[in-house]
Structure formats: C-alpha cells, structure tokens
Amino acid sequence: MLHALATAALLPLAGPLAPDTLRRDWVAAEAVLVAHFDLAALAQSKLGSALLESEHVGGLAELTAWTEEHGIELGRDLRGMTVYVSPGEDAQPVLILSTSAKAEGLLEALPEGADHWTKTVEGRLLHSIDYDGERLYAHVVEVGRDARAIVLSPVVEELLGAATCVEGKAQSLAGSGSPLAALEPRKGSYAFVAVSDLARLPATDLASEMLKEAVGFTIDVGEDEGHVVAEGSVTGKSEEAARDIAEAGQGLVALARIIAGHEDVSEEVRAGRLGFLDSIRISSKGRTIRAAIRLPVDAIAALLEEHL
C-alpha cells in the first residue's frame, strides 16, 4: 500500500502547492518511530517530474487511470502521509493520510461487501477494507473546511487511539518530552524518518547487525538546487560504538565500490553506480555518525530507473 501511494504521488498536478508539513500533534506521544512523506513536495520536485517522464515506473499507467476515473489530484487531494510506531511487542504501524474532502468521498463511495464494510465503534464510523488480503481499518477526522485526516491501522484499538490523538483529545508528540518532538524535516524534504529508541521498536529486521550498537537514527531526503540530498544521522550507545558503526559503513561503501567496478554492465551504468557510491560521505563525532549523499537529479533518476 505504501509503495502504491508513493508512486501515485508522481502524477501530474495543476498549479503550485504548499508543502504538507509533519503534524506532530497527530502523532501519539509514546511513538518511537515517525516517518513523514510530503507527497505534494515530491510530486512537484524535479525527481518526481523525471520519474513521471520515465517509462519504467511500475503501475503508473494504472494509477493515472484510477485518479482520472475518480477525479483525484495527487498532491492536492492526497497531500501527505505520516506513519508512526509505538513501543510494544505487538504494536502495529499507524498510517495517517492528509487529504481533501474529495478524497474522503472515495471511502464513502466503496460498495458494501466482503471487501468493505462499515460499523460504528465508540461513536466513530470505521471502514473495514480488504487490501491485498490484509484487513485495514480506516476512520476519517475532519481537520479543516477542506482538510481531512484519514487514519488507518490493521488493529481497531490502535486506530481508535490514533483518531483520539488527531482529534486533540490525547497527548501527542508535540506536547511530549520525546527526542522526536524536536526533530524537523529540512526545507525541501519529501521523505523523513526518525527513530528515537531502536530497542523499543517491535521485533523487526530494521535493527541490523550494524545498528545493534545504535540508540536511534534519522533519515531526510529532499532536493536542493537541482540535486537530490539525503542526510542521515545515527546515535551510538557510546563513542566507541559510533566509531565502529562509521567504520562498518565506510567498509560497506568500499566493498560496494569494488563490486560495482567489476560488474558486467555498460560503462554508462558503471559510471552512474560509482558516482553514487563516491558521493557518500560518512563521519563520526562523539556518539553521532553522519552520512550524506548529494547528486544531480538526473543521476538519481537514472539509478532508480535501473531498479524499478
């Protein structure tokens, strides 16, 4: 579902749009992972335009037909997407779509049946939707005259708690002392992910061997003057752990560069891969490891086309 929504964000728009900023007041205070995707910014970015012109973006034609059929303008009617995860062994992600009133109408227009049904729980109308064999529950919160927050979760209890937060009736990240409350996506960002405490995340492959000595991390991807800029930081459990993580990252980049230099591909493809790897900068200071990539949009678009 996340892949489909991100791909949909590349569809054409009419007129400039304001960015969809991260709403901390929509995120539960106890969240340990927060991700925000500014679909309006991505759709209007040079990278979004480059991928739109590509013939290799899977599912784009189908999504274009779907949006035209329903009169939905991606970036204007579907503006942004926030995902957060609370601590707990069985905790499930909560997804919040920032939309217009028109997008809300799509839920109301779904026919009742095995794939979709509605029921009222604690005074809230819930939509139950079967998406690719996965049961999702949705509830719509009116947050403005033409603004809606569509809250989705595979667990009814988590959905109700998230809806209460969006309604301003529960403590949110904005009013908490969480380290996540102070983090801000930079200007031009269209993808932002932050984890405050890896140890408190539900069991996941996210905590790889390299991150076992880390406390948390942030990733921020956006554009600046015709370049795609990706910046990341990792907080280690100690200065020694930070140095070890940085050295491991530098070693992986060096290994990838050796492999890329000997792959049986065209010179153009090889140059693109090596250029990407050469642009990666990794350093550590104290307990903080920083990594950054800055490449022209065309170079990133070419790399993405290769793998889409």
C-alpha atoms as a PDB file:
ATOM      1  CA  MET A   1       0.000   0.000   0.000  1.00  0.00           C
ATOM      2  CA  LEU A   2       2.810   2.454   0.886  1.00  0.00           C
ATOM      3  CA  HIS A   3       4.518   1.736  -2.457  1.00  0.00           C
ATOM      4  CA  ALA A   4       1.290   2.416  -4.358  1.00  0.00           C
ATOM      5  CA  LEU A   5       0.706   5.721  -2.575  1.00  0.00           C
ATOM      6  CA  ALA A   6       4.294   6.865  -3.108  1.00  0.00           C
ATOM      7  CA  THR A   7       4.084   6.023  -6.809  1.00  0.00           C
ATOM      8  CA  ALA A   8       0.764   7.818  -7.068  1.00  0.00           C
ATOM      9  CA  ALA A   9       2.379  10.981  -5.761  1.00  0.00           C
ATOM     10  CA  LEU A  10       4.301  11.316  -9.024  1.00  0.00           C
ATOM     11  CA  LEU A  11       1.178  12.011 -11.061  1.00  0.00           C
ATOM     12  CA  PRO A  12       0.829  15.472 -12.662  1.00  0.00           C
ATOM     13  CA  LEU A  13      -0.562  18.445 -10.761  1.00  0.00           C
ATOM     14  CA  ALA A  14      -2.284  21.659 -11.780  1.00  0.00           C
ATOM     15  CA  GLY A  15      -0.646  24.688 -10.128  1.00  0.00           C
ATOM     16  CA  PRO A  16       1.833  25.024  -7.268  1.00  0.00           C
ATOM     17  CA  LEU A  17       1.018  23.500  -3.889  1.00  0.00           C
ATOM     18  CA  ALA A  18       2.057  24.302  -0.350  1.00  0.00           C
ATOM     19  CA  PRO A  19       4.194  21.617   1.305  1.00  0.00           C
ATOM     20  CA  ASP A  20       2.489  19.139   3.614  1.00  0.00           C
ATOM     21  CA  THR A  21       4.380  19.511   6.887  1.00  0.00           C
ATOM     22  CA  LEU A  22       4.806  16.906   9.611  1.00  0.00           C
ATOM     23  CA  ARG A  23       1.960  17.275  12.125  1.00  0.00           C
ATOM     24  CA  ARG A  24       3.431  16.216  15.479  1.00  0.00           C
ATOM     25  CA  ASP A  25       0.056  16.866  17.083  1.00  0.00           C
ATOM     26  CA  TRP A  26      -1.287  13.925  15.055  1.00  0.00           C
ATOM     27  CA  VAL A  27       1.347  11.514  16.397  1.00  0.00           C
ATOM     28  CA  ALA A  28       0.982   9.668  19.714  1.00  0.00           C
ATOM     29  CA  ALA A  29       3.319  10.931  22.452  1.00  0.00           C
ATOM     30  CA  GLU A  30       4.807   7.470  23.015  1.00  0.00           C
ATOM     31  CA  ALA A  31       5.827   6.919  19.357  1.00  0.00           C
ATOM     32  CA  VAL A  32       9.378   5.657  18.872  1.00  0.00           C
ATOM     33  CA  LEU A  33       9.341   5.805  15.055  1.00  0.00           C
ATOM     34  CA  VAL A  34       7.905   8.592  12.914  1.00  0.00           C
ATOM     35  CA  ALA A  35       8.013   8.849   9.117  1.00  0.00           C
ATOM     36  CA  HIS A  36       6.557  11.647   7.014  1.00  0.00           C
ATOM     37  CA  PHE A  37       6.221  11.766   3.234  1.00  0.00           C
ATOM     38  CA  ASP A  38       5.359  15.128   1.706  1.00  0.00           C
ATOM     39  CA  LEU A  39       3.572  13.939  -1.428  1.00  0.00           C
ATOM     40  CA  ALA A  40       2.887  17.477  -2.648  1.00  0.00           C
ATOM     41  CA  ALA A  41       6.616  18.326  -2.482  1.00  0.00           C
ATOM     42  CA  LEU A  42       7.630  15.068  -4.186  1.00  0.00           C
ATOM     43  CA  ALA A  43       5.076  15.470  -6.948  1.00  0.00           C
ATOM     44  CA  GLN A  44       6.368  18.978  -7.718  1.00  0.00           C
ATOM     45  CA  SER A  45      10.055  18.088  -7.417  1.00  0.00           C
ATOM     46  CA  LYS A  46      12.471  17.619 -10.298  1.00  0.00           C
ATOM     47  CA  LEU A  47      12.921  13.985  -9.327  1.00  0.00           C
ATOM     48  CA  GLY A  48       9.155  13.445  -9.390  1.00  0.00           C
ATOM     49  CA  SER A  49       8.984  15.061 -12.844  1.00  0.00           C
ATOM     50  CA  ALA A  50      11.878  12.942 -14.105  1.00  0.00           C
ATOM     51  CA  LEU A  51      10.255   9.712 -12.934  1.00  0.00           C
ATOM     52  CA  LEU A  52       6.912  10.794 -14.377  1.00  0.00           C
ATOM     53  CA  GLU A  53       8.541  11.035 -17.811  1.00  0.00           C
ATOM     54  CA  SER A  54      10.106   7.605 -17.375  1.00  0.00           C
ATOM     55  CA  GLU A  55       8.573   4.535 -18.983  1.00  0.00           C
ATOM     56  CA  HIS A  56       9.862   2.280 -16.219  1.00  0.00           C
ATOM     57  CA  VAL A  57       7.801   3.317 -13.198  1.00  0.00           C
ATOM     58  CA  GLY A  58       5.669   0.269 -12.499  1.00  0.00           C
ATOM     59  CA  GLY A  59       1.938   0.781 -12.053  1.00  0.00           C
ATOM     60  CA  LEU A  60       1.940   4.447 -13.107  1.00  0.00           C
ATOM     61  CA  ALA A  61      -0.465   3.986 -16.040  1.00  0.00           C
ATOM     62  CA  GLU A  62      -2.960   2.137 -13.838  1.00  0.00           C
ATOM     63  CA  LEU A  63      -2.757   4.789 -11.142  1.00  0.00           C
ATOM     64  CA  THR A  64      -3.202   7.570 -13.690  1.00  0.00           C
ATOM     65  CA  ALA A  65      -6.379   5.888 -14.930  1.00  0.00           C
ATOM     66  CA  TRP A  66      -7.596   5.403 -11.347  1.00  0.00           C
ATOM     67  CA  THR A  67      -7.109   9.049 -10.381  1.00  0.00           C
ATOM     68  CA  GLU A  68      -8.732  10.278 -13.596  1.00  0.00           C
ATOM     69  CA  GLU A  69     -11.692   7.984 -13.025  1.00  0.00           C
ATOM     70  CA  HIS A  70     -12.270   9.310  -9.502  1.00  0.00           C
ATOM     71  CA  GLY A  71     -11.244  12.922 -10.102  1.00  0.00           C
ATOM     72  CA  ILE A  72      -8.468  12.760  -7.510  1.00  0.00           C
ATOM     73  CA  GLU A  73      -5.467  15.048  -7.862  1.00  0.00           C
ATOM     74  CA  LEU A  74      -2.428  13.564  -6.152  1.00  0.00           C
ATOM     75  CA  GLY A  75      -0.590  16.156  -4.117  1.00  0.00           C
ATOM     76  CA  ARG A  76      -3.708  18.325  -3.886  1.00  0.00           C
ATOM     77  CA  ASP A  77      -6.347  15.825  -2.762  1.00  0.00           C
ATOM     78  CA  LEU A  78      -3.803  13.366  -1.326  1.00  0.00           C
ATOM     79  CA  ARG A  79      -1.256  15.715   0.234  1.00  0.00           C
ATOM     80  CA  GLY A  80       0.922  13.766   2.622  1.00  0.00           C
ATOM     81  CA  MET A  81       1.382  10.608   4.607  1.00  0.00           C
ATOM     82  CA  THR A  82       2.594  10.087   8.169  1.00  0.00           C
ATOM     83  CA  VAL A  83       3.444   6.714   9.684  1.00  0.00           C
ATOM     84  CA  TYR A  84       4.307   6.081  13.309  1.00  0.00           C
ATOM     85  CA  VAL A  85       5.009   3.093  15.535  1.00  0.00           C
ATOM     86  CA  SER A  86       4.564   2.926  19.294  1.00  0.00           C
ATOM     87  CA  PRO A  87       6.622   0.631  21.547  1.00  0.00           C
ATOM     88  CA  GLY A  88       5.372  -2.873  22.265  1.00  0.00           C
ATOM     89  CA  GLU A  89       5.976  -6.381  21.010  1.00  0.00           C
ATOM     90  CA  ASP A  90       2.727  -6.493  19.018  1.00  0.00           C
ATOM     91  CA  ALA A  91       2.425  -2.809  18.106  1.00  0.00           C
ATOM     92  CA  GLN A  92       1.330  -2.142  14.513  1.00  0.00           C
ATOM     93  CA  PRO A  93       2.082   0.932  12.384  1.00  0.00           C
ATOM     94  CA  VAL A  94      -0.495   3.700  12.242  1.00  0.00           C
ATOM     95  CA  LEU A  95      -0.833   5.475   8.885  1.00  0.00           C
ATOM     96  CA  ILE A  96      -2.407   8.934   8.571  1.00  0.00           C
ATOM     97  CA  LEU A  97      -3.223  10.385   5.165  1.00  0.00           C
ATOM     98  CA  SER A  98      -3.572  14.145   4.832  1.00  0.00           C
ATOM     99  CA  THR A  99      -6.301  14.674   2.229  1.00  0.00           C
ATOM    100  CA  SER A 100      -9.015  16.938   0.924  1.00  0.00           C
ATOM    101  CA  ALA A 101     -12.713  16.333   1.462  1.00  0.00           C
ATOM    102  CA  LYS A 102     -12.864  14.892  -2.062  1.00  0.00           C
ATOM    103  CA  ALA A 103     -10.513  12.044  -1.135  1.00  0.00           C
ATOM    104  CA  GLU A 104     -12.742  11.192   1.819  1.00  0.00           C
ATOM    105  CA  GLY A 105     -15.538  10.610  -0.680  1.00  0.00           C
ATOM    106  CA  LEU A 106     -13.688   7.609  -2.084  1.00  0.00           C
ATOM    107  CA  LEU A 107     -14.197   5.734   1.179  1.00  0.00           C
ATOM    108  CA  GLU A 108     -17.864   6.672   1.273  1.00  0.00           C
ATOM    109  CA  ALA A 109     -18.307   5.500  -2.329  1.00  0.00           C
ATOM    110  CA  LEU A 110     -16.943   1.998  -1.688  1.00  0.00           C
ATOM    111  CA  PRO A 111     -19.715  -0.588  -2.062  1.00  0.00           C
ATOM    112  CA  GLU A 112     -20.596  -2.676   0.983  1.00  0.00           C
ATOM    113  CA  GLY A 113     -19.458  -6.293   0.689  1.00  0.00           C
ATOM    114  CA  ALA A 114     -16.836  -8.796   1.775  1.00  0.00           C
ATOM    115  CA  ASP A 115     -14.003  -6.415   0.818  1.00  0.00           C
ATOM    116  CA  HIS A 116     -15.540  -3.374   2.520  1.00  0.00           C
ATOM    117  CA  TRP A 117     -17.960  -2.855   5.352  1.00  0.00           C
ATOM    118  CA  THR A 118     -18.637  -0.196   7.963  1.00  0.00           C
ATOM    119  CA  LYS A 119     -19.524  -0.227  11.637  1.00  0.00           C
ATOM    120  CA  THR A 120     -19.719   2.307  14.461  1.00  0.00           C
ATOM    121  CA  VAL A 121     -17.326   1.820  17.380  1.00  0.00           C
ATOM    122  CA  GLU A 122     -17.223   4.230  20.332  1.00  0.00           C
ATOM    123  CA  GLY A 123     -19.194   6.756  18.303  1.00  0.00           C
ATOM    124  CA  ARG A 124     -16.822   6.655  15.315  1.00  0.00           C
ATOM    125  CA  LEU A 125     -17.624   5.287  11.873  1.00  0.00           C
ATOM    126  CA  LEU A 126     -14.982   2.724  10.921  1.00  0.00           C
ATOM    127  CA  HIS A 127     -14.391   1.421   7.405  1.00  0.00           C
ATOM    128  CA  SER A 128     -13.034  -2.123   7.134  1.00  0.00           C
ATOM    129  CA  ILE A 129     -11.141  -2.626   3.888  1.00  0.00           C
ATOM    130  CA  ASP A 130      -9.526  -5.743   2.436  1.00  0.00           C
ATOM    131  CA  TYR A 131      -6.329  -4.592   0.701  1.00  0.00           C
ATOM    132  CA  ASP A 132      -4.364  -7.400  -0.989  1.00  0.00           C
ATOM    133  CA  GLY A 133      -5.580  -9.878   1.606  1.00  0.00           C
ATOM    134  CA  GLU A 134      -4.730  -7.549   4.509  1.00  0.00           C
ATOM    135  CA  ARG A 135      -7.540  -6.183   6.657  1.00  0.00           C
ATOM    136  CA  LEU A 136      -7.223  -2.432   7.302  1.00  0.00           C
ATOM    137  CA  TYR A 137      -9.497  -0.220   9.347  1.00  0.00           C
ATOM    138  CA  ALA A 138      -9.996   3.462   8.498  1.00  0.00           C
ATOM    139  CA  HIS A 139     -11.597   6.438  10.181  1.00  0.00           C
ATOM    140  CA  VAL A 140     -11.905   9.982   8.845  1.00  0.00           C
ATOM    141  CA  VAL A 141     -11.323  13.026  11.050  1.00  0.00           C
ATOM    142  CA  GLU A 142     -12.359  16.454   9.779  1.00  0.00           C
ATOM    143  CA  VAL A 143      -9.436  18.805  10.490  1.00  0.00           C
ATOM    144  CA  GLY A 144     -10.488  21.786   8.343  1.00  0.00           C
ATOM    145  CA  ARG A 145     -13.092  23.023   5.873  1.00  0.00           C
ATOM    146  CA  ASP A 146     -11.474  21.101   3.032  1.00  0.00           C
ATOM    147  CA  ALA A 147      -8.977  19.047   5.045  1.00  0.00           C
ATOM    148  CA  ARG A 148      -9.277  15.511   6.343  1.00  0.00           C
ATOM    149  CA  ALA A 149      -7.037  13.100   8.214  1.00  0.00           C
ATOM    150  CA  ILE A 150      -7.714   9.501   7.197  1.00  0.00           C
ATOM    151  CA  VAL A 151      -6.356   7.246   9.935  1.00  0.00           C
ATOM    152  CA  LEU A 152      -5.584   3.621   9.053  1.00  0.00           C
ATOM    153  CA  SER A 153      -4.406   0.651  11.091  1.00  0.00           C
ATOM    154  CA  PRO A 154      -4.802  -3.142  10.987  1.00  0.00           C
ATOM    155  CA  VAL A 155      -5.792  -3.039  14.697  1.00  0.00           C
ATOM    156  CA  VAL A 156      -9.064  -1.387  15.760  1.00  0.00           C
ATOM    157  CA  GLU A 157      -7.776  -0.401  19.213  1.00  0.00           C
ATOM    158  CA  GLU A 158      -4.719   1.328  17.752  1.00  0.00           C
ATOM    159  CA  LEU A 159      -6.898   3.075  15.180  1.00  0.00           C
ATOM    160  CA  LEU A 160      -9.206   4.450  17.889  1.00  0.00           C
ATOM    161  CA  GLY A 161      -6.256   5.678  19.948  1.00  0.00           C
ATOM    162  CA  ALA A 162      -4.714   7.374  16.903  1.00  0.00           C
ATOM    163  CA  ALA A 163      -8.019   9.031  15.980  1.00  0.00           C
ATOM    164  CA  THR A 164      -8.319  10.385  19.528  1.00  0.00           C
ATOM    165  CA  CYS A 165      -4.859  11.931  19.181  1.00  0.00           C
ATOM    166  CA  VAL A 166      -5.683  13.551  15.813  1.00  0.00           C
ATOM    167  CA  GLU A 167      -8.837  14.986  17.388  1.00  0.00           C
ATOM    168  CA  GLY A 168      -6.687  16.663  20.041  1.00  0.00           C
ATOM    169  CA  LYS A 169      -8.142  14.592  22.881  1.00  0.00           C
ATOM    170  CA  ALA A 170      -4.950  12.699  23.818  1.00  0.00           C
ATOM    171  CA  GLN A 171      -1.358  13.711  24.473  1.00  0.00           C
ATOM    172  CA  SER A 172       0.595  13.982  21.245  1.00  0.00           C
ATOM    173  CA  LEU A 173       4.241  14.069  20.283  1.00  0.00           C
ATOM    174  CA  ALA A 174       4.013  17.869  20.081  1.00  0.00           C
ATOM    175  CA  GLY A 175       3.416  18.157  23.811  1.00  0.00           C
ATOM    176  CA  SER A 176       5.818  15.465  24.932  1.00  0.00           C
ATOM    177  CA  GLY A 177       9.428  15.411  26.042  1.00  0.00           C
ATOM    178  CA  SER A 178      10.334  12.836  23.403  1.00  0.00           C
ATOM    179  CA  PRO A 179      13.516  13.426  21.381  1.00  0.00           C
ATOM    180  CA  LEU A 180      11.339  13.045  18.287  1.00  0.00           C
ATOM    181  CA  ALA A 181       9.377  16.182  19.214  1.00  0.00           C
ATOM    182  CA  ALA A 182      12.384  18.407  18.497  1.00  0.00           C
ATOM    183  CA  LEU A 183      13.286  16.934  15.101  1.00  0.00           C
ATOM    184  CA  GLU A 184      12.297  18.859  11.981  1.00  0.00           C
ATOM    185  CA  PRO A 185      12.445  17.812   8.306  1.00  0.00           C
ATOM    186  CA  ARG A 186      14.627  20.337   6.489  1.00  0.00           C
ATOM    187  CA  LYS A 187      13.335  22.660   3.777  1.00  0.00           C
ATOM    188  CA  GLY A 188      12.799  20.772   0.513  1.00  0.00           C
ATOM    189  CA  SER A 189      12.367  17.436   2.284  1.00  0.00           C
ATOM    190  CA  TYR A 190       9.898  14.927   0.878  1.00  0.00           C
ATOM    191  CA  ALA A 191      10.833  11.868   2.944  1.00  0.00           C
ATOM    192  CA  PHE A 192      11.740  11.936   6.623  1.00  0.00           C
ATOM    193  CA  VAL A 193      12.198   9.029   9.051  1.00  0.00           C
ATOM    194  CA  ALA A 194      13.250   9.223  12.698  1.00  0.00           C
ATOM    195  CA  VAL A 195      13.669   6.532  15.357  1.00  0.00           C
ATOM    196  CA  SER A 196      14.298   7.568  18.963  1.00  0.00           C
ATOM    197  CA  ASP A 197      14.846   4.157  20.544  1.00  0.00           C
ATOM    198  CA  LEU A 198      15.625   1.085  18.437  1.00  0.00           C
ATOM    199  CA  ALA A 199      15.401  -1.183  21.479  1.00  0.00           C
ATOM    200  CA  ARG A 200      11.729  -0.285  21.986  1.00  0.00           C
ATOM    201  CA  LEU A 201      10.621  -0.959  18.413  1.00  0.00           C
ATOM    202  CA  PRO A 202       8.544  -4.096  17.812  1.00  0.00           C
ATOM    203  CA  ALA A 203      10.562  -7.065  16.561  1.00  0.00           C
ATOM    204  CA  THR A 204      11.737  -6.098  13.085  1.00  0.00           C
ATOM    205  CA  ASP A 205      14.582  -6.526  10.599  1.00  0.00           C
ATOM    206  CA  LEU A 206      15.217  -2.785  10.950  1.00  0.00           C
ATOM    207  CA  ALA A 207      17.780  -3.387  13.682  1.00  0.00           C
ATOM    208  CA  SER A 208      20.529  -4.890  11.508  1.00  0.00           C
ATOM    209  CA  GLU A 209      23.897  -6.042  12.830  1.00  0.00           C
ATOM    210  CA  MET A 210      25.378  -2.601  12.102  1.00  0.00           C
ATOM    211  CA  LEU A 211      22.675  -0.850  14.138  1.00  0.00           C
ATOM    212  CA  LYS A 212      22.748  -3.102  17.194  1.00  0.00           C
ATOM    213  CA  GLU A 213      25.062  -0.598  18.901  1.00  0.00           C
ATOM    214  CA  ALA A 214      22.843   2.345  17.946  1.00  0.00           C
ATOM    215  CA  VAL A 215      20.196   4.095  20.014  1.00  0.00           C
ATOM    216  CA  GLY A 216      18.311   5.827  17.179  1.00  0.00           C
ATOM    217  CA  PHE A 217      18.648   7.450  13.773  1.00  0.00           C
ATOM    218  CA  THR A 218      17.175   9.952  11.319  1.00  0.00           C
ATOM    219  CA  ILE A 219      16.983   9.985   7.510  1.00  0.00           C
ATOM    220  CA  ASP A 220      15.950  13.024   5.474  1.00  0.00           C
ATOM    221  CA  VAL A 221      15.638  13.042   1.663  1.00  0.00           C
ATOM    222  CA  GLY A 222      14.754  16.036  -0.472  1.00  0.00           C
ATOM    223  CA  GLU A 223      16.009  18.417  -3.140  1.00  0.00           C
ATOM    224  CA  ASP A 224      18.253  21.461  -3.138  1.00  0.00           C
ATOM    225  CA  GLU A 225      19.168  23.460  -6.254  1.00  0.00           C
ATOM    226  CA  GLY A 226      18.700  20.604  -8.721  1.00  0.00           C
ATOM    227  CA  HIS A 227      20.304  17.970  -6.513  1.00  0.00           C
ATOM    228  CA  VAL A 228      18.795  15.138  -4.508  1.00  0.00           C
ATOM    229  CA  VAL A 229      20.157  15.402  -0.982  1.00  0.00           C
ATOM    230  CA  ALA A 230      19.947  12.556   1.513  1.00  0.00           C
ATOM    231  CA  GLU A 231      21.201  13.113   5.029  1.00  0.00           C
ATOM    232  CA  GLY A 232      21.247  10.644   7.882  1.00  0.00           C
ATOM    233  CA  SER A 233      22.487  10.518  11.441  1.00  0.00           C
ATOM    234  CA  VAL A 234      22.857   7.642  13.884  1.00  0.00           C
ATOM    235  CA  THR A 235      23.311   7.965  17.636  1.00  0.00           C
ATOM    236  CA  GLY A 236      25.554   5.271  19.039  1.00  0.00           C
ATOM    237  CA  LYS A 237      25.396   3.838  22.548  1.00  0.00           C
ATOM    238  CA  SER A 238      28.947   5.122  23.101  1.00  0.00           C
ATOM    239  CA  GLU A 239      31.704   6.973  21.247  1.00  0.00           C
ATOM    240  CA  GLU A 240      33.415   3.673  20.552  1.00  0.00           C
ATOM    241  CA  ALA A 241      30.174   2.229  19.165  1.00  0.00           C
ATOM    242  CA  ALA A 242      29.791   5.296  16.942  1.00  0.00           C
ATOM    243  CA  ARG A 243      33.289   4.843  15.528  1.00  0.00           C
ATOM    244  CA  ASP A 244      32.599   1.149  14.908  1.00  0.00           C
ATOM    245  CA  ILE A 245      29.348   1.900  13.085  1.00  0.00           C
ATOM    246  CA  ALA A 246      31.016   4.596  10.958  1.00  0.00           C
ATOM    247  CA  GLU A 247      33.882   2.282  10.046  1.00  0.00           C
ATOM    248  CA  ALA A 248      31.449  -0.518   9.188  1.00  0.00           C
ATOM    249  CA  GLY A 249      29.509   1.866   6.931  1.00  0.00           C
ATOM    250  CA  GLN A 250      32.679   3.072   5.220  1.00  0.00           C
ATOM    251  CA  GLY A 251      33.732  -0.550   4.715  1.00  0.00           C
ATOM    252  CA  LEU A 252      30.406  -1.445   3.105  1.00  0.00           C
ATOM    253  CA  VAL A 253      30.699   1.504   0.708  1.00  0.00           C
ATOM    254  CA  ALA A 254      34.262   0.489  -0.215  1.00  0.00           C
ATOM    255  CA  LEU A 255      33.137  -3.105  -0.823  1.00  0.00           C
ATOM    256  CA  ALA A 256      30.194  -1.953  -2.932  1.00  0.00           C
ATOM    257  CA  ARG A 257      32.565   0.215  -4.973  1.00  0.00           C
ATOM    258  CA  ILE A 258      34.830  -2.757  -5.705  1.00  0.00           C
ATOM    259  CA  ILE A 259      31.847  -4.861  -6.773  1.00  0.00           C
ATOM    260  CA  ALA A 260      30.402  -2.068  -8.931  1.00  0.00           C
ATOM    261  CA  GLY A 261      33.743  -1.580 -10.664  1.00  0.00           C
ATOM    262  CA  HIS A 262      33.842  -5.207 -11.807  1.00  0.00           C
ATOM    263  CA  GLU A 263      30.207  -5.801 -12.774  1.00  0.00           C
ATOM    264  CA  ASP A 264      29.429  -6.815 -16.337  1.00  0.00           C
ATOM    265  CA  VAL A 265      27.439  -3.708 -17.280  1.00  0.00           C
ATOM    266  CA  SER A 266      27.813  -0.835 -19.723  1.00  0.00           C
ATOM    267  CA  GLU A 267      30.314   1.928 -18.968  1.00  0.00           C
ATOM    268  CA  GLU A 268      27.450   4.363 -18.529  1.00  0.00           C
ATOM    269  CA  VAL A 269      25.750   2.205 -15.914  1.00  0.00           C
ATOM    270  CA  ARG A 270      29.051   1.513 -14.148  1.00  0.00           C
ATOM    271  CA  ALA A 271      29.881   5.228 -14.047  1.00  0.00           C
ATOM    272  CA  GLY A 272      26.459   6.014 -12.583  1.00  0.00           C
ATOM    273  CA  ARG A 273      26.829   3.449  -9.811  1.00  0.00           C
ATOM    274  CA  LEU A 274      30.371   4.521  -8.971  1.00  0.00           C
ATOM    275  CA  GLY A 275      29.329   8.172  -8.984  1.00  0.00           C
ATOM    276  CA  PHE A 276      26.592   7.400  -6.483  1.00  0.00           C
ATOM    277  CA  LEU A 277      28.951   5.485  -4.191  1.00  0.00           C
ATOM    278  CA  ASP A 278      31.641   8.175  -4.455  1.00  0.00           C
ATOM    279  CA  SER A 279      29.127  10.805  -3.331  1.00  0.00           C
ATOM    280  CA  ILE A 280      28.517   9.074   0.017  1.00  0.00           C
ATOM    281  CA  ARG A 281      30.206  10.763   2.961  1.00  0.00           C
ATOM    282  CA  ILE A 282      30.327   9.064   6.395  1.00  0.00           C
ATOM    283  CA  SER A 283      31.888  10.543   9.508  1.00  0.00           C
ATOM    284  CA  SER A 284      31.582  10.313  13.303  1.00  0.00           C
ATOM    285  CA  LYS A 285      31.971  12.765  16.149  1.00  0.00           C
ATOM    286  CA  GLY A 286      31.312  11.776  19.726  1.00  0.00           C
ATOM    287  CA  ARG A 287      28.329   9.425  19.740  1.00  0.00           C
ATOM    288  CA  THR A 288      26.934  10.741  16.427  1.00  0.00           C
ATOM    289  CA  ILE A 289      27.543   9.240  12.983  1.00  0.00           C
ATOM    290  CA  ARG A 290      26.581  11.343   9.969  1.00  0.00           C
ATOM    291  CA  ALA A 291      26.118  10.247   6.371  1.00  0.00           C
ATOM    292  CA  ALA A 292      25.238  12.391   3.367  1.00  0.00           C
ATOM    293  CA  ILE A 293      24.663  11.952  -0.362  1.00  0.00           C
ATOM    294  CA  ARG A 294      24.297  14.794  -2.859  1.00  0.00           C
ATOM    295  CA  LEU A 295      23.808  14.003  -6.540  1.00  0.00           C
ATOM    296  CA  PRO A 296      22.168  15.713  -9.536  1.00  0.00           C
ATOM    297  CA  VAL A 297      18.520  14.740 -10.007  1.00  0.00           C
ATOM    298  CA  ASP A 298      19.249  13.162 -13.412  1.00  0.00           C
ATOM    299  CA  ALA A 299      21.834  10.819 -11.884  1.00  0.00           C
ATOM    300  CA  ILE A 300      19.448   9.652  -9.152  1.00  0.00           C
ATOM    301  CA  ALA A 301      16.577   9.249 -11.652  1.00  0.00           C
ATOM    302  CA  ALA A 302      18.799   7.069 -13.859  1.00  0.00           C
ATOM    303  CA  LEU A 303      19.739   4.865 -10.900  1.00  0.00           C
ATOM    304  CA  LEU A 304      16.103   4.496  -9.876  1.00  0.00           C
ATOM    305  CA  GLU A 305      15.033   3.602 -13.431  1.00  0.00           C
ATOM    306  CA  GLU A 306      17.609   0.837 -13.342  1.00  0.00           C
ATOM    307  CA  HIS A 307      15.918  -0.813 -10.384  1.00  0.00           C
ATOM    308  CA  LEU A 308      12.203  -0.028 -10.862  1.00  0.00           C
END
